[in-house]
Amino acid sequence: MPVAAVSVSLPDSRFEPGRLAESGKLVTDTAAEITARHLH
């Protein structure tokens, strides 16, 4: 059962395609931390 949602939002003017993978990793790392904290 989901307990949280994580997303990234920013204006188009600040979007840098070269940083997309970095943003994705931050989102997945944050989701994993939320999951770990919820399970303890």
PDB file of N, CA and C in Angstrom:
ATOM      1  N   MET A   1       0.844  -1.168   0.000  1.00  0.00           N
ATOM      2  CA  MET A   1       0.000   0.000   0.000  1.00  0.00           C
ATOM      3  C   MET A   1       0.901   1.246   0.000  1.00  0.00           C
ATOM      4  N   PRO A   2       0.719   2.153  -0.934  1.00  0.00           N
ATOM      5  CA  PRO A   2       1.528   3.380  -0.973  1.00  0.00           C
ATOM      6  C   PRO A   2       1.319   4.232   0.278  1.00  0.00           C
ATOM      7  N   VAL A   3       2.413   4.809   0.760  1.00  0.00           N
ATOM      8  CA  VAL A   3       2.328   5.708   1.912  1.00  0.00           C
ATOM      9  C   VAL A   3       2.826   7.106   1.577  1.00  0.00           C
ATOM     10  N   ALA A   4       3.413   7.277   0.398  1.00  0.00           N
ATOM     11  CA  ALA A   4       3.949   8.586   0.016  1.00  0.00           C
ATOM     12  C   ALA A   4       4.142   8.628  -1.495  1.00  0.00           C
ATOM     13  N   ALA A   5       4.360   9.827  -1.980  1.00  0.00           N
ATOM     14  CA  ALA A   5       4.700  10.032  -3.392  1.00  0.00           C
ATOM     15  C   ALA A   5       5.876  10.996  -3.452  1.00  0.00           C
ATOM     16  N   VAL A   6       6.722  10.802  -4.440  1.00  0.00           N
ATOM     17  CA  VAL A   6       7.892  11.663  -4.612  1.00  0.00           C
ATOM     18  C   VAL A   6       7.896  12.130  -6.066  1.00  0.00           C
ATOM     19  N   SER A   7       8.146  13.412  -6.259  1.00  0.00           N
ATOM     20  CA  SER A   7       8.223  13.922  -7.626  1.00  0.00           C
ATOM     21  C   SER A   7       9.223  15.072  -7.691  1.00  0.00           C
ATOM     22  N   VAL A   8       9.555  15.451  -8.905  1.00  0.00           N
ATOM     23  CA  VAL A   8      10.437  16.585  -9.147  1.00  0.00           C
ATOM     24  C   VAL A   8       9.659  17.569 -10.006  1.00  0.00           C
ATOM     25  N   SER A   9       9.681  18.821  -9.619  1.00  0.00           N
ATOM     26  CA  SER A   9       8.983  19.854 -10.377  1.00  0.00           C
ATOM     27  C   SER A   9       9.871  21.080 -10.473  1.00  0.00           C
ATOM     28  N   LEU A  10       9.951  21.653 -11.667  1.00  0.00           N
ATOM     29  CA  LEU A  10      10.742  22.859 -11.855  1.00  0.00           C
ATOM     30  C   LEU A  10      10.285  23.537 -13.134  1.00  0.00           C
ATOM     31  N   PRO A  11      10.554  24.828 -13.264  1.00  0.00           N
ATOM     32  CA  PRO A  11      10.174  25.523 -14.490  1.00  0.00           C
ATOM     33  C   PRO A  11      11.028  25.053 -15.674  1.00  0.00           C
ATOM     34  N   ASP A  12      10.451  25.118 -16.865  1.00  0.00           N
ATOM     35  CA  ASP A  12      11.185  24.726 -18.080  1.00  0.00           C
ATOM     36  C   ASP A  12      12.527  25.429 -18.194  1.00  0.00           C
ATOM     37  N   SER A  13      12.580  26.659 -17.761  1.00  0.00           N
ATOM     38  CA  SER A  13      13.811  27.434 -17.900  1.00  0.00           C
ATOM     39  C   SER A  13      14.962  26.871 -17.072  1.00  0.00           C
ATOM     40  N   ARG A  14      14.659  26.049 -16.058  1.00  0.00           N
ATOM     41  CA  ARG A  14      15.710  25.465 -15.227  1.00  0.00           C
ATOM     42  C   ARG A  14      15.999  24.008 -15.577  1.00  0.00           C
ATOM     43  N   PHE A  15      15.212  23.435 -16.497  1.00  0.00           N
ATOM     44  CA  PHE A  15      15.396  22.037 -16.873  1.00  0.00           C
ATOM     45  C   PHE A  15      16.670  21.865 -17.682  1.00  0.00           C
ATOM     46  N   GLU A  16      17.485  20.893 -17.271  1.00  0.00           N
ATOM     47  CA  GLU A  16      18.714  20.559 -17.974  1.00  0.00           C
ATOM     48  C   GLU A  16      18.675  19.067 -18.301  1.00  0.00           C
ATOM     49  N   PRO A  17      18.472  18.718 -19.575  1.00  0.00           N
ATOM     50  CA  PRO A  17      18.366  17.304 -19.947  1.00  0.00           C
ATOM     51  C   PRO A  17      19.529  16.449 -19.450  1.00  0.00           C
ATOM     52  N   GLY A  18      20.708  17.017 -19.377  1.00  0.00           N
ATOM     53  CA  GLY A  18      21.868  16.266 -18.920  1.00  0.00           C
ATOM     54  C   GLY A  18      21.808  15.862 -17.456  1.00  0.00           C
ATOM     55  N   ARG A  19      20.912  16.457 -16.698  1.00  0.00           N
ATOM     56  CA  ARG A  19      20.792  16.131 -15.270  1.00  0.00           C
ATOM     57  C   ARG A  19      19.595  15.226 -14.981  1.00  0.00           C
ATOM     58  N   LEU A  20      18.915  14.760 -16.033  1.00  0.00           N
ATOM     59  CA  LEU A  20      17.725  13.936 -15.838  1.00  0.00           C
ATOM     60  C   LEU A  20      18.033  12.654 -15.063  1.00  0.00           C
ATOM     61  N   ALA A  21      19.122  11.987 -15.392  1.00  0.00           N
ATOM     62  CA  ALA A  21      19.488  10.746 -14.683  1.00  0.00           C
ATOM     63  C   ALA A  21      19.769  11.025 -13.212  1.00  0.00           C
ATOM     64  N   GLU A  22      20.420  12.143 -12.926  1.00  0.00           N
ATOM     65  CA  GLU A  22      20.701  12.519 -11.533  1.00  0.00           C
ATOM     66  C   GLU A  22      19.399  12.742 -10.766  1.00  0.00           C
ATOM     67  N   SER A  23      18.464  13.428 -11.382  1.00  0.00           N
ATOM     68  CA  SER A  23      17.167  13.673 -10.728  1.00  0.00           C
ATOM     69  C   SER A  23      16.434  12.358 -10.485  1.00  0.00           C
ATOM     70  N   GLY A  24      16.470  11.468 -11.468  1.00  0.00           N
ATOM     71  CA  GLY A  24      15.825  10.162 -11.305  1.00  0.00           C
ATOM     72  C   GLY A  24      16.427   9.375 -10.159  1.00  0.00           C
ATOM     73  N   LYS A  25      17.746   9.428 -10.027  1.00  0.00           N
ATOM     74  CA  LYS A  25      18.412   8.714  -8.927  1.00  0.00           C
ATOM     75  C   LYS A  25      18.010   9.314  -7.589  1.00  0.00           C
ATOM     76  N   LEU A  26      17.932  10.631  -7.508  1.00  0.00           N
ATOM     77  CA  LEU A  26      17.514  11.271  -6.256  1.00  0.00           C
ATOM     78  C   LEU A  26      16.096  10.846  -5.868  1.00  0.00           C
ATOM     79  N   VAL A  27      15.212  10.764  -6.851  1.00  0.00           N
ATOM     80  CA  VAL A  27      13.829  10.346  -6.578  1.00  0.00           C
ATOM     81  C   VAL A  27      13.797   8.900  -6.086  1.00  0.00           C
ATOM     82  N   THR A  28      14.513   8.008  -6.765  1.00  0.00           N
ATOM     83  CA  THR A  28      14.483   6.605  -6.340  1.00  0.00           C
ATOM     84  C   THR A  28      15.162   6.408  -4.991  1.00  0.00           C
ATOM     85  N   ASP A  29      16.240   7.137  -4.732  1.00  0.00           N
ATOM     86  CA  ASP A  29      16.905   7.049  -3.426  1.00  0.00           C
ATOM     87  C   ASP A  29      15.977   7.548  -2.314  1.00  0.00           C
ATOM     88  N   THR A  30      15.275   8.638  -2.576  1.00  0.00           N
ATOM     89  CA  THR A  30      14.353   9.186  -1.582  1.00  0.00           C
ATOM     90  C   THR A  30      13.206   8.220  -1.333  1.00  0.00           C
ATOM     91  N   ALA A  31      12.666   7.633  -2.394  1.00  0.00           N
ATOM     92  CA  ALA A  31      11.590   6.654  -2.235  1.00  0.00           C
ATOM     93  C   ALA A  31      12.056   5.453  -1.413  1.00  0.00           C
ATOM     94  N   ALA A  32      13.274   5.001  -1.658  1.00  0.00           N
ATOM     95  CA  ALA A  32      13.816   3.870  -0.901  1.00  0.00           C
ATOM     96  C   ALA A  32      13.978   4.234   0.572  1.00  0.00           C
ATOM     97  N   GLU A  33      14.394   5.453   0.852  1.00  0.00           N
ATOM     98  CA  GLU A  33      14.542   5.884   2.253  1.00  0.00           C
ATOM     99  C   GLU A  33      13.181   5.969   2.939  1.00  0.00           C
ATOM    100  N   ILE A  34      12.188   6.489   2.248  1.00  0.00           N
ATOM    101  CA  ILE A  34      10.834   6.553   2.834  1.00  0.00           C
ATOM    102  C   ILE A  34      10.349   5.144   3.132  1.00  0.00           C
ATOM    103  N   THR A  35      10.556   4.233   2.194  1.00  0.00           N
ATOM    104  CA  THR A  35      10.128   2.841   2.393  1.00  0.00           C
ATOM    105  C   THR A  35      10.843   2.232   3.601  1.00  0.00           C
ATOM    106  N   ALA A  36      12.152   2.424   3.685  1.00  0.00           N
ATOM    107  CA  ALA A  36      12.918   1.857   4.804  1.00  0.00           C
ATOM    108  C   ALA A  36      12.429   2.414   6.141  1.00  0.00           C
ATOM    109  N   ARG A  37      12.175   3.702   6.201  1.00  0.00           N
ATOM    110  CA  ARG A  37      11.701   4.304   7.454  1.00  0.00           C
ATOM    111  C   ARG A  37      10.313   3.802   7.819  1.00  0.00           C
ATOM    112  N   HIS A  38       9.475   3.595   6.819  1.00  0.00           N
ATOM    113  CA  HIS A  38       8.114   3.130   7.081  1.00  0.00           C
ATOM    114  C   HIS A  38       8.094   1.692   7.586  1.00  0.00           C
ATOM    115  N   LEU A  39       9.052   0.887   7.147  1.00  0.00           N
ATOM    116  CA  LEU A  39       9.076  -0.520   7.528  1.00  0.00           C
ATOM    117  C   LEU A  39       9.668  -0.763   8.912  1.00  0.00           C
ATOM    118  N   HIS A  40      10.288   0.245   9.514  1.00  0.00           N
ATOM    119  CA  HIS A  40      10.899   0.064  10.838  1.00  0.00           C
ATOM    120  C   HIS A  40       9.956   0.449  11.941  1.00  0.00           C
TER     121      HIS A  40
END
